[in-house]
Amino acid sequence: MTQDERRVYLIRTLLDEQGYRNEIPKDVYEQKRLLRALFNVRPPEPISDEFLAVQDAYLKEAIREKGVTTLAELSPIRPHQYLWRGDITTLEADAIVNAANSQMLGCFSPNHGCIDNAIHTFAGVQLRLACHKLMRAQGHEEPTGTAKITPGYNLPAKYVLHTVGPIVSGRLTDRHRRELASCYESCLNLAAINGLSSVAFCCISTGVFGFPQKEAAEIAVETVTAFQKHTEIDVVFNVFKEADLRLYQSLLR
């Protein structure tokens, strides 16, 4: 199959699965948006091995086309600390961190711009299935400040560390600060327990969860630096916005 044929197959299979008879757009960009939306809304239910084989081939090629960045290509800004502005779904590290919600099942909003949506999209439907299995076994929502580990599936990263950051809807409190620090500690502890040597952190809680970016960056750097006194895990501070890049540059100089 070509990449175009894979995409059409995946779209048609997911549409048929949901009972839709929609026409598939001819435009490649619109096809990609539709496929992502279908990935996003699909519930955590089993699917055929044939679908998974085509999906995996499609996603691996899509990520290759975007361009994979390895840790070896980055230069440390401090010992064992890196700062990188880029798409975390293209980073080849032992683990990347996902800013999850308490349901821990990924973002169900079609084509939403959050990191949770992107990670689940490019990991493939297996990631939601794995998260569902973890949450069903746990029997309750994931508490703020804790973390879970899953395989990365089709991502260049071997694993995904899912953590639930605090939601700041009003004044920033000491509890918010402690919970955010706990997100970083929980992910690093999981990484150490599982023998991982590198972890890439997104800017946890600074999107729709409303944590002020400056304070969040300060907590991130302080918590990671303190943890690294006892381990040599490489940490990548991954940013997406220019403002966040400048902020971390000022903290890490």
Protein backbone atom coordinates (compact mmCIF):
# COMPACT_ATOMS: atom_id res chain seq x y z
CA MET A 1 0.00 0.00 0.00
CA THR A 2 1.08 3.57 -0.63
CA GLN A 3 0.69 6.15 2.11
CA ASP A 4 -2.37 7.56 0.32
CA GLU A 5 -3.92 4.09 0.10
CA ARG A 6 -3.26 3.46 3.78
CA ARG A 7 -4.92 6.73 4.75
CA VAL A 8 -8.05 6.00 2.70
CA TYR A 9 -8.23 2.47 4.11
CA LEU A 10 -7.99 3.75 7.69
CA ILE A 11 -10.61 6.43 7.12
CA ARG A 12 -13.03 4.03 5.46
CA THR A 13 -12.57 1.39 8.18
CA LEU A 14 -13.18 3.89 10.98
CA LEU A 15 -16.19 5.39 9.21
CA ASP A 16 -17.67 1.94 8.63
CA GLU A 17 -17.00 0.98 12.25
CA GLN A 18 -19.11 3.93 13.39
CA GLY A 19 -21.84 3.35 10.82
CA TYR A 20 -21.06 6.42 8.72
CA ARG A 21 -21.30 6.46 4.92
CA ASN A 22 -19.55 9.78 4.41
CA GLU A 23 -17.69 10.60 1.23
CA ILE A 24 -13.94 10.69 1.76
CA PRO A 25 -12.49 14.10 0.78
CA LYS A 26 -10.20 14.12 -2.23
CA ASP A 27 -7.90 16.77 -0.71
CA VAL A 28 -4.98 15.19 1.21
CA TYR A 29 -5.02 17.85 3.95
CA GLU A 30 -8.73 17.28 4.56
CA GLN A 31 -8.18 13.51 4.59
CA LYS A 32 -5.50 13.92 7.26
CA ARG A 33 -7.80 16.08 9.37
CA LEU A 34 -10.64 13.59 9.03
CA LEU A 35 -8.41 10.66 9.96
CA ARG A 36 -7.09 12.46 13.03
CA ALA A 37 -10.64 13.34 14.08
CA LEU A 38 -11.69 9.70 13.71
CA PHE A 39 -8.71 8.57 15.80
CA ASN A 40 -9.62 11.17 18.43
CA VAL A 41 -13.25 10.15 18.89
CA ARG A 42 -12.78 6.38 18.69
CA PRO A 43 -13.64 4.66 21.99
CA PRO A 44 -11.16 2.19 23.53
CA GLU A 45 -12.50 -0.91 21.83
CA PRO A 46 -10.64 -3.83 20.17
CA ILE A 47 -9.84 -3.59 16.46
CA SER A 48 -8.50 -6.00 13.86
CA ASP A 49 -4.85 -6.90 13.43
CA GLU A 50 -5.16 -5.87 9.79
CA PHE A 51 -6.20 -2.36 10.78
CA LEU A 52 -3.34 -2.12 13.28
CA ALA A 53 -0.79 -3.23 10.70
CA VAL A 54 -1.94 -0.58 8.21
CA GLN A 55 -2.24 2.07 10.91
CA ASP A 56 1.24 1.35 12.27
CA ALA A 57 2.81 1.56 8.83
CA TYR A 58 0.94 4.81 8.14
CA LEU A 59 1.87 6.50 11.42
CA LYS A 60 5.53 5.49 11.29
CA GLU A 61 5.80 6.94 7.79
CA ALA A 62 3.90 10.10 8.83
CA ILE A 63 6.31 10.66 11.69
CA ARG A 64 9.30 9.95 9.46
CA GLU A 65 8.01 12.57 7.03
CA LYS A 66 7.74 15.11 9.86
CA GLY A 67 11.35 14.35 10.82
CA VAL A 68 12.56 12.52 13.91
CA THR A 69 14.94 14.26 16.34
CA THR A 70 17.28 12.18 18.49
CA LEU A 71 18.81 13.14 21.81
CA ALA A 72 22.24 12.85 20.22
CA GLU A 73 21.34 15.78 17.95
CA LEU A 74 20.71 18.07 20.94
CA SER A 75 23.32 19.90 23.00
CA PRO A 76 22.92 19.99 26.80
CA ILE A 77 22.30 23.44 28.20
CA ARG A 78 23.31 22.08 31.63
CA PRO A 79 24.68 18.66 32.61
CA HIS A 80 21.92 16.14 31.74
CA GLN A 81 19.48 18.95 30.89
CA TYR A 82 18.38 19.90 27.38
CA LEU A 83 16.09 22.60 26.01
CA TRP A 84 14.35 21.85 22.74
CA ARG A 85 11.61 23.61 20.83
CA GLY A 86 9.80 21.13 18.65
CA ASP A 87 7.05 18.55 18.19
CA ILE A 88 7.35 16.08 21.08
CA THR A 89 5.74 13.33 18.98
CA THR A 90 8.88 13.36 16.79
CA LEU A 91 11.43 13.09 19.62
CA GLU A 92 13.33 9.84 20.02
CA ALA A 93 13.83 9.49 23.78
CA ASP A 94 13.24 6.73 26.29
CA ALA A 95 10.05 8.51 27.37
CA ILE A 96 8.02 11.60 26.64
CA VAL A 97 5.59 13.11 29.13
CA ASN A 98 1.93 13.58 28.29
CA ALA A 99 -0.14 16.22 30.07
CA ALA A 100 -3.19 14.01 30.57
CA ASN A 101 -6.60 14.56 32.16
CA SER A 102 -7.92 12.59 35.09
CA GLN A 103 -9.76 10.10 32.84
CA MET A 104 -6.32 9.25 31.35
CA LEU A 105 -7.86 8.23 28.01
CA GLY A 106 -6.59 11.00 25.78
CA CYS A 107 -8.38 13.96 24.23
CA PHE A 108 -11.68 13.08 22.53
CA SER A 109 -12.09 16.52 20.92
CA PRO A 110 -11.54 16.16 17.14
CA ASN A 111 -8.32 17.83 15.97
CA HIS A 112 -7.81 19.66 19.26
CA GLY A 113 -4.43 21.34 19.59
CA CYS A 114 -3.47 19.92 22.99
CA ILE A 115 -0.47 17.67 23.50
CA ASP A 116 -2.71 14.87 24.79
CA ASN A 117 -4.48 14.84 21.43
CA ALA A 118 -1.23 14.84 19.44
CA ILE A 119 0.40 12.06 21.44
CA HIS A 120 -2.62 9.77 21.24
CA THR A 121 -3.04 10.49 17.53
CA PHE A 122 0.51 9.56 16.53
CA ALA A 123 0.92 6.71 19.01
CA GLY A 124 -2.14 5.03 17.49
CA VAL A 125 -5.33 3.54 18.88
CA GLN A 126 -3.32 1.09 20.99
CA LEU A 127 -2.44 3.89 23.42
CA ARG A 128 -6.05 4.59 24.38
CA LEU A 129 -6.63 0.87 24.76
CA ALA A 130 -3.61 0.58 27.08
CA CYS A 131 -4.73 3.57 29.14
CA HIS A 132 -8.25 2.17 29.38
CA LYS A 133 -6.88 -1.12 30.69
CA LEU A 134 -4.85 0.70 33.35
CA MET A 135 -7.77 2.86 34.44
CA ARG A 136 -10.22 -0.05 34.52
CA ALA A 137 -7.82 -1.97 36.77
CA GLN A 138 -7.36 1.11 38.98
CA GLY A 139 -11.09 1.68 39.32
CA HIS A 140 -10.99 5.45 39.77
CA GLU A 141 -9.73 8.57 38.05
CA GLU A 142 -6.06 9.45 38.17
CA PRO A 143 -5.23 11.82 41.05
CA THR A 144 -3.48 15.10 40.31
CA GLY A 145 0.30 14.90 40.61
CA THR A 146 0.63 11.17 39.95
CA ALA A 147 1.72 9.36 36.78
CA LYS A 148 1.30 6.20 34.73
CA ILE A 149 3.58 4.58 32.14
CA THR A 150 2.60 2.97 28.84
CA PRO A 151 4.48 1.93 25.71
CA GLY A 152 4.91 4.62 23.07
CA TYR A 153 3.63 2.33 20.29
CA ASN A 154 4.22 4.20 17.00
CA LEU A 155 5.99 7.18 18.56
CA PRO A 156 9.79 7.41 18.32
CA ALA A 157 9.79 7.42 22.15
CA LYS A 158 9.78 3.99 23.76
CA TYR A 159 7.35 5.01 26.52
CA VAL A 160 4.82 7.66 27.43
CA LEU A 161 4.58 8.95 31.00
CA HIS A 162 1.06 10.27 31.58
CA THR A 163 0.61 12.78 34.40
CA VAL A 164 -2.35 14.88 35.53
CA GLY A 165 -1.39 18.46 36.32
CA PRO A 166 -3.30 20.88 38.54
CA ILE A 167 -6.07 23.03 37.09
CA VAL A 168 -5.69 26.71 38.01
CA SER A 169 -8.97 28.55 37.50
CA GLY A 170 -8.33 31.39 39.92
CA ARG A 171 -5.52 32.39 42.24
CA LEU A 172 -2.38 30.27 42.17
CA THR A 173 -1.99 28.48 45.52
CA ASP A 174 0.73 26.54 47.30
CA ARG A 175 -1.29 23.40 46.70
CA HIS A 176 -1.15 24.01 42.95
CA ARG A 177 2.63 24.43 43.22
CA ARG A 178 3.05 21.21 45.22
CA GLU A 179 0.86 19.27 42.80
CA LEU A 180 2.82 20.47 39.78
CA ALA A 181 6.13 19.58 41.43
CA SER A 182 4.65 16.16 42.18
CA CYS A 183 3.92 15.65 38.46
CA TYR A 184 7.63 16.02 37.68
CA GLU A 185 8.70 13.89 40.63
CA SER A 186 6.20 11.13 39.79
CA CYS A 187 7.37 10.96 36.17
CA LEU A 188 11.04 10.91 37.15
CA ASN A 189 10.43 8.22 39.76
CA LEU A 190 8.63 6.08 37.17
CA ALA A 191 11.50 6.62 34.75
CA ALA A 192 14.05 5.57 37.38
CA ILE A 193 12.04 2.50 38.43
CA ASN A 194 11.79 1.39 34.80
CA GLY A 195 15.46 1.98 34.05
CA LEU A 196 14.90 4.80 31.56
CA SER A 197 17.82 7.08 30.75
CA SER A 198 16.03 10.02 29.11
CA VAL A 199 12.72 11.83 29.63
CA ALA A 200 11.23 14.75 27.69
CA PHE A 201 8.84 16.98 29.61
CA CYS A 202 6.20 19.16 28.01
CA CYS A 203 5.07 22.32 29.81
CA ILE A 204 2.64 20.54 32.13
CA SER A 205 -0.59 22.39 33.07
CA THR A 206 0.28 25.61 31.21
CA GLY A 207 -2.30 25.17 28.42
CA VAL A 208 -6.02 24.88 29.08
CA PHE A 209 -5.25 23.95 32.72
CA GLY A 210 -4.22 27.57 33.29
CA PHE A 211 -1.00 27.30 35.33
CA PRO A 212 1.02 30.53 34.86
CA GLN A 213 3.92 29.78 32.54
CA LYS A 214 6.69 31.51 34.48
CA GLU A 215 5.86 29.83 37.78
CA ALA A 216 5.40 26.47 36.04
CA ALA A 217 8.81 26.71 34.38
CA GLU A 218 10.47 27.63 37.67
CA ILE A 219 8.92 24.62 39.38
CA ALA A 220 9.91 22.35 36.50
CA VAL A 221 13.56 23.39 36.52
CA GLU A 222 13.82 23.38 40.32
CA THR A 223 12.18 19.94 40.71
CA VAL A 224 14.16 18.30 37.92
CA THR A 225 17.45 19.76 39.14
CA ALA A 226 16.83 18.51 42.68
CA PHE A 227 15.94 15.03 41.43
CA GLN A 228 19.03 14.84 39.23
CA LYS A 229 21.28 15.12 42.27
CA HIS A 230 20.46 11.44 42.84
CA THR A 231 20.30 10.16 39.25
CA GLU A 232 21.81 10.76 35.82
CA ILE A 233 18.57 10.66 33.85
CA ASP A 234 18.77 13.06 30.91
CA VAL A 235 15.87 15.51 30.87
CA VAL A 236 14.63 17.46 27.87
CA PHE A 237 12.51 20.53 28.57
CA ASN A 238 10.33 20.54 25.48
CA VAL A 239 8.64 23.80 24.51
CA PHE A 240 6.40 24.70 21.61
CA LYS A 241 6.07 28.48 21.88
CA GLU A 242 8.80 31.08 21.43
CA ALA A 243 7.79 32.71 24.74
CA ASP A 244 8.36 29.44 26.60
CA LEU A 245 11.72 28.98 24.89
CA ARG A 246 12.90 32.39 26.10
CA LEU A 247 11.56 31.70 29.57
CA TYR A 248 13.47 28.41 29.94
CA GLN A 249 16.59 29.95 28.41
CA SER A 250 16.55 32.57 31.16
CA LEU A 251 16.12 29.93 33.88
CA LEU A 252 18.76 27.53 32.56
CA ARG A 253 21.56 29.96 31.73
